[in-house]
Amino acid sequence: MRKTPILSLLLGAACSGEANHLGNPLALPLSGIATGLGNARYNQTRGQVEVFVKTNHPALIADLRAGGGESLSAVYDIAAVPALRRAPHTLQLQSDLQIYEGNLDALVVAIMVVSGG
């Protein structure tokens, strides 16, 4: 007998248009699937960027010093960095060049921060 009021309350809350921190509980399975797919796509892109950075690190550093180049453009393409964000981000990477010269993982993270994928 107690189940009916509790179930009614839960269903009423699920159908509410009010803002809440959980969202619609009935949509949780779909949002979980979407999150999983998004994470898989991000992880795949990050893996590709990491391989590229580790195999082309000297060329990437040279491109950063020069303000651009083929290797830098290629890694931006892999990471799907939007064209409008590339120049400002290159300037940011140049300002922290000392970090990226010795820390490949930091360069991967810095590139993925502006990743579109």
C-alpha atoms as a PDB file:
ATOM      1  CA  MET A   1       0.000   0.000   0.000  1.00  0.00           C
ATOM      2  CA  ARG A   2       2.890   2.362   0.654  1.00  0.00           C
ATOM      3  CA  LYS A   3       4.310   1.691  -2.787  1.00  0.00           C
ATOM      4  CA  THR A   4       1.566   3.573  -4.597  1.00  0.00           C
ATOM      5  CA  PRO A   5       2.204   7.017  -3.015  1.00  0.00           C
ATOM      6  CA  ILE A   6       5.964   6.654  -3.439  1.00  0.00           C
ATOM      7  CA  LEU A   7       5.608   5.576  -7.057  1.00  0.00           C
ATOM      8  CA  SER A   8       3.204   8.441  -7.730  1.00  0.00           C
ATOM      9  CA  LEU A   9       5.642  10.908  -6.198  1.00  0.00           C
ATOM     10  CA  LEU A  10       8.556   9.593  -8.274  1.00  0.00           C
ATOM     11  CA  LEU A  11       6.592   9.644 -11.530  1.00  0.00           C
ATOM     12  CA  GLY A  12       5.289  13.123 -10.758  1.00  0.00           C
ATOM     13  CA  ALA A  13       8.812  14.368 -10.138  1.00  0.00           C
ATOM     14  CA  ALA A  14      10.030  12.715 -13.343  1.00  0.00           C
ATOM     15  CA  CYS A  15       7.424  14.564 -15.383  1.00  0.00           C
ATOM     16  CA  SER A  16       8.036  17.915 -13.745  1.00  0.00           C
ATOM     17  CA  GLY A  17       9.216  20.797 -15.879  1.00  0.00           C
ATOM     18  CA  GLU A  18      11.021  22.313 -12.904  1.00  0.00           C
ATOM     19  CA  ALA A  19      14.782  22.601 -12.910  1.00  0.00           C
ATOM     20  CA  ASN A  20      16.634  20.003 -10.871  1.00  0.00           C
ATOM     21  CA  HIS A  21      20.164  18.713 -10.666  1.00  0.00           C
ATOM     22  CA  LEU A  22      19.346  15.180 -11.822  1.00  0.00           C
ATOM     23  CA  GLY A  23      17.295  15.914 -14.897  1.00  0.00           C
ATOM     24  CA  ASN A  24      14.521  13.623 -15.968  1.00  0.00           C
ATOM     25  CA  PRO A  25      15.119  10.188 -14.400  1.00  0.00           C
ATOM     26  CA  LEU A  26      13.300   8.531 -17.287  1.00  0.00           C
ATOM     27  CA  ALA A  27      15.976   9.880 -19.654  1.00  0.00           C
ATOM     28  CA  LEU A  28      18.921   8.599 -17.602  1.00  0.00           C
ATOM     29  CA  PRO A  29      19.452   5.420 -19.636  1.00  0.00           C
ATOM     30  CA  LEU A  30      19.638   7.412 -22.871  1.00  0.00           C
ATOM     31  CA  SER A  31      21.913  10.073 -21.419  1.00  0.00           C
ATOM     32  CA  GLY A  32      24.148   7.313 -20.041  1.00  0.00           C
ATOM     33  CA  ILE A  33      24.472   5.780 -23.492  1.00  0.00           C
ATOM     34  CA  ALA A  34      25.187   9.177 -25.042  1.00  0.00           C
ATOM     35  CA  THR A  35      27.831   9.902 -22.413  1.00  0.00           C
ATOM     36  CA  GLY A  36      29.459   6.532 -23.036  1.00  0.00           C
ATOM     37  CA  LEU A  37      29.610   7.155 -26.773  1.00  0.00           C
ATOM     38  CA  GLY A  38      31.012  10.640 -26.238  1.00  0.00           C
ATOM     39  CA  ASN A  39      33.686   9.313 -23.902  1.00  0.00           C
ATOM     40  CA  ALA A  40      34.653   6.589 -26.378  1.00  0.00           C
ATOM     41  CA  ARG A  41      35.007   9.166 -29.160  1.00  0.00           C
ATOM     42  CA  TYR A  42      37.082  11.466 -26.924  1.00  0.00           C
ATOM     43  CA  ASN A  43      39.338   8.596 -25.834  1.00  0.00           C
ATOM     44  CA  GLN A  44      39.915   7.541 -29.429  1.00  0.00           C
ATOM     45  CA  THR A  45      40.815  11.099 -30.459  1.00  0.00           C
ATOM     46  CA  ARG A  46      43.062  11.543 -27.427  1.00  0.00           C
ATOM     47  CA  GLY A  47      44.866   8.304 -28.277  1.00  0.00           C
ATOM     48  CA  GLN A  48      45.478   9.483 -31.842  1.00  0.00           C
ATOM     49  CA  VAL A  49      46.749  12.859 -30.620  1.00  0.00           C
ATOM     50  CA  GLU A  50      49.012  11.159 -28.076  1.00  0.00           C
ATOM     51  CA  VAL A  51      50.578   8.886 -30.712  1.00  0.00           C
ATOM     52  CA  PHE A  52      51.084  11.848 -33.047  1.00  0.00           C
ATOM     53  CA  VAL A  53      52.660  13.999 -30.331  1.00  0.00           C
ATOM     54  CA  LYS A  54      55.010  11.211 -29.224  1.00  0.00           C
ATOM     55  CA  THR A  55      56.164  10.449 -32.769  1.00  0.00           C
ATOM     56  CA  ASN A  56      56.434  14.067 -33.929  1.00  0.00           C
ATOM     57  CA  HIS A  57      57.428  15.941 -30.773  1.00  0.00           C
ATOM     58  CA  PRO A  58      60.546  17.716 -32.148  1.00  0.00           C
ATOM     59  CA  ALA A  59      58.633  18.882 -35.237  1.00  0.00           C
ATOM     60  CA  LEU A  60      55.720  20.095 -33.095  1.00  0.00           C
ATOM     61  CA  ILE A  61      58.056  22.098 -30.860  1.00  0.00           C
ATOM     62  CA  ALA A  62      59.702  23.621 -33.943  1.00  0.00           C
ATOM     63  CA  ASP A  63      56.261  24.512 -35.346  1.00  0.00           C
ATOM     64  CA  LEU A  64      55.256  26.102 -32.057  1.00  0.00           C
ATOM     65  CA  ARG A  65      58.427  28.202 -32.056  1.00  0.00           C
ATOM     66  CA  ALA A  66      57.656  29.284 -35.629  1.00  0.00           C
ATOM     67  CA  GLY A  67      54.001  30.021 -34.854  1.00  0.00           C
ATOM     68  CA  GLY A  68      52.673  27.251 -37.098  1.00  0.00           C
ATOM     69  CA  GLY A  69      53.578  24.521 -39.528  1.00  0.00           C
ATOM     70  CA  GLU A  70      52.588  21.182 -40.996  1.00  0.00           C
ATOM     71  CA  SER A  71      52.926  19.129 -37.812  1.00  0.00           C
ATOM     72  CA  LEU A  72      50.956  21.584 -35.727  1.00  0.00           C
ATOM     73  CA  SER A  73      48.228  21.771 -38.371  1.00  0.00           C
ATOM     74  CA  ALA A  74      48.124  17.977 -38.561  1.00  0.00           C
ATOM     75  CA  VAL A  75      47.690  17.526 -34.805  1.00  0.00           C
ATOM     76  CA  TYR A  76      44.997  20.215 -34.769  1.00  0.00           C
ATOM     77  CA  ASP A  77      43.254  18.320 -37.580  1.00  0.00           C
ATOM     78  CA  ILE A  78      43.433  15.049 -35.637  1.00  0.00           C
ATOM     79  CA  ALA A  79      42.018  16.752 -32.544  1.00  0.00           C
ATOM     80  CA  ALA A  80      39.364  18.536 -34.646  1.00  0.00           C
ATOM     81  CA  VAL A  81      40.345  21.926 -33.239  1.00  0.00           C
ATOM     82  CA  PRO A  82      38.105  24.559 -34.852  1.00  0.00           C
ATOM     83  CA  ALA A  83      39.954  26.864 -37.254  1.00  0.00           C
ATOM     84  CA  LEU A  84      39.073  30.014 -35.297  1.00  0.00           C
ATOM     85  CA  ARG A  85      40.644  28.628 -32.118  1.00  0.00           C
ATOM     86  CA  ARG A  86      43.947  27.512 -33.651  1.00  0.00           C
ATOM     87  CA  ALA A  87      45.833  30.827 -33.824  1.00  0.00           C
ATOM     88  CA  PRO A  88      44.940  31.989 -30.296  1.00  0.00           C
ATOM     89  CA  HIS A  89      45.704  28.548 -28.906  1.00  0.00           C
ATOM     90  CA  THR A  90      49.051  28.455 -30.700  1.00  0.00           C
ATOM     91  CA  LEU A  91      49.945  31.725 -28.951  1.00  0.00           C
ATOM     92  CA  GLN A  92      48.968  30.175 -25.621  1.00  0.00           C
ATOM     93  CA  LEU A  93      51.070  27.090 -26.336  1.00  0.00           C
ATOM     94  CA  GLN A  94      54.022  29.329 -27.279  1.00  0.00           C
ATOM     95  CA  SER A  95      53.801  31.125 -23.950  1.00  0.00           C
ATOM     96  CA  ASP A  96      54.164  27.784 -22.133  1.00  0.00           C
ATOM     97  CA  LEU A  97      56.685  26.275 -24.550  1.00  0.00           C
ATOM     98  CA  GLN A  98      59.176  25.368 -21.809  1.00  0.00           C
ATOM     99  CA  ILE A  99      56.591  23.059 -20.256  1.00  0.00           C
ATOM    100  CA  TYR A 100      55.846  21.265 -23.525  1.00  0.00           C
ATOM    101  CA  GLU A 101      59.474  20.792 -24.509  1.00  0.00           C
ATOM    102  CA  GLY A 102      59.987  18.311 -21.710  1.00  0.00           C
ATOM    103  CA  ASN A 103      56.485  17.036 -21.007  1.00  0.00           C
ATOM    104  CA  LEU A 104      54.746  15.313 -23.897  1.00  0.00           C
ATOM    105  CA  ASP A 105      51.666  14.446 -21.830  1.00  0.00           C
ATOM    106  CA  ALA A 106      51.162  18.111 -20.971  1.00  0.00           C
ATOM    107  CA  LEU A 107      51.230  18.949 -24.688  1.00  0.00           C
ATOM    108  CA  VAL A 108      48.624  16.264 -25.386  1.00  0.00           C
ATOM    109  CA  VAL A 109      46.374  17.694 -22.675  1.00  0.00           C
ATOM    110  CA  ALA A 110      46.886  21.250 -23.918  1.00  0.00           C
ATOM    111  CA  ILE A 111      45.845  20.240 -27.422  1.00  0.00           C
ATOM    112  CA  MET A 112      42.850  18.238 -26.225  1.00  0.00           C
ATOM    113  CA  VAL A 113      41.590  21.197 -24.191  1.00  0.00           C
ATOM    114  CA  VAL A 114      40.497  22.875 -27.423  1.00  0.00           C
ATOM    115  CA  SER A 115      39.575  19.646 -29.185  1.00  0.00           C
ATOM    116  CA  GLY A 116      36.291  19.597 -31.031  1.00  0.00           C
ATOM    117  CA  GLY A 117      36.005  15.846 -30.737  1.00  0.00           C
END
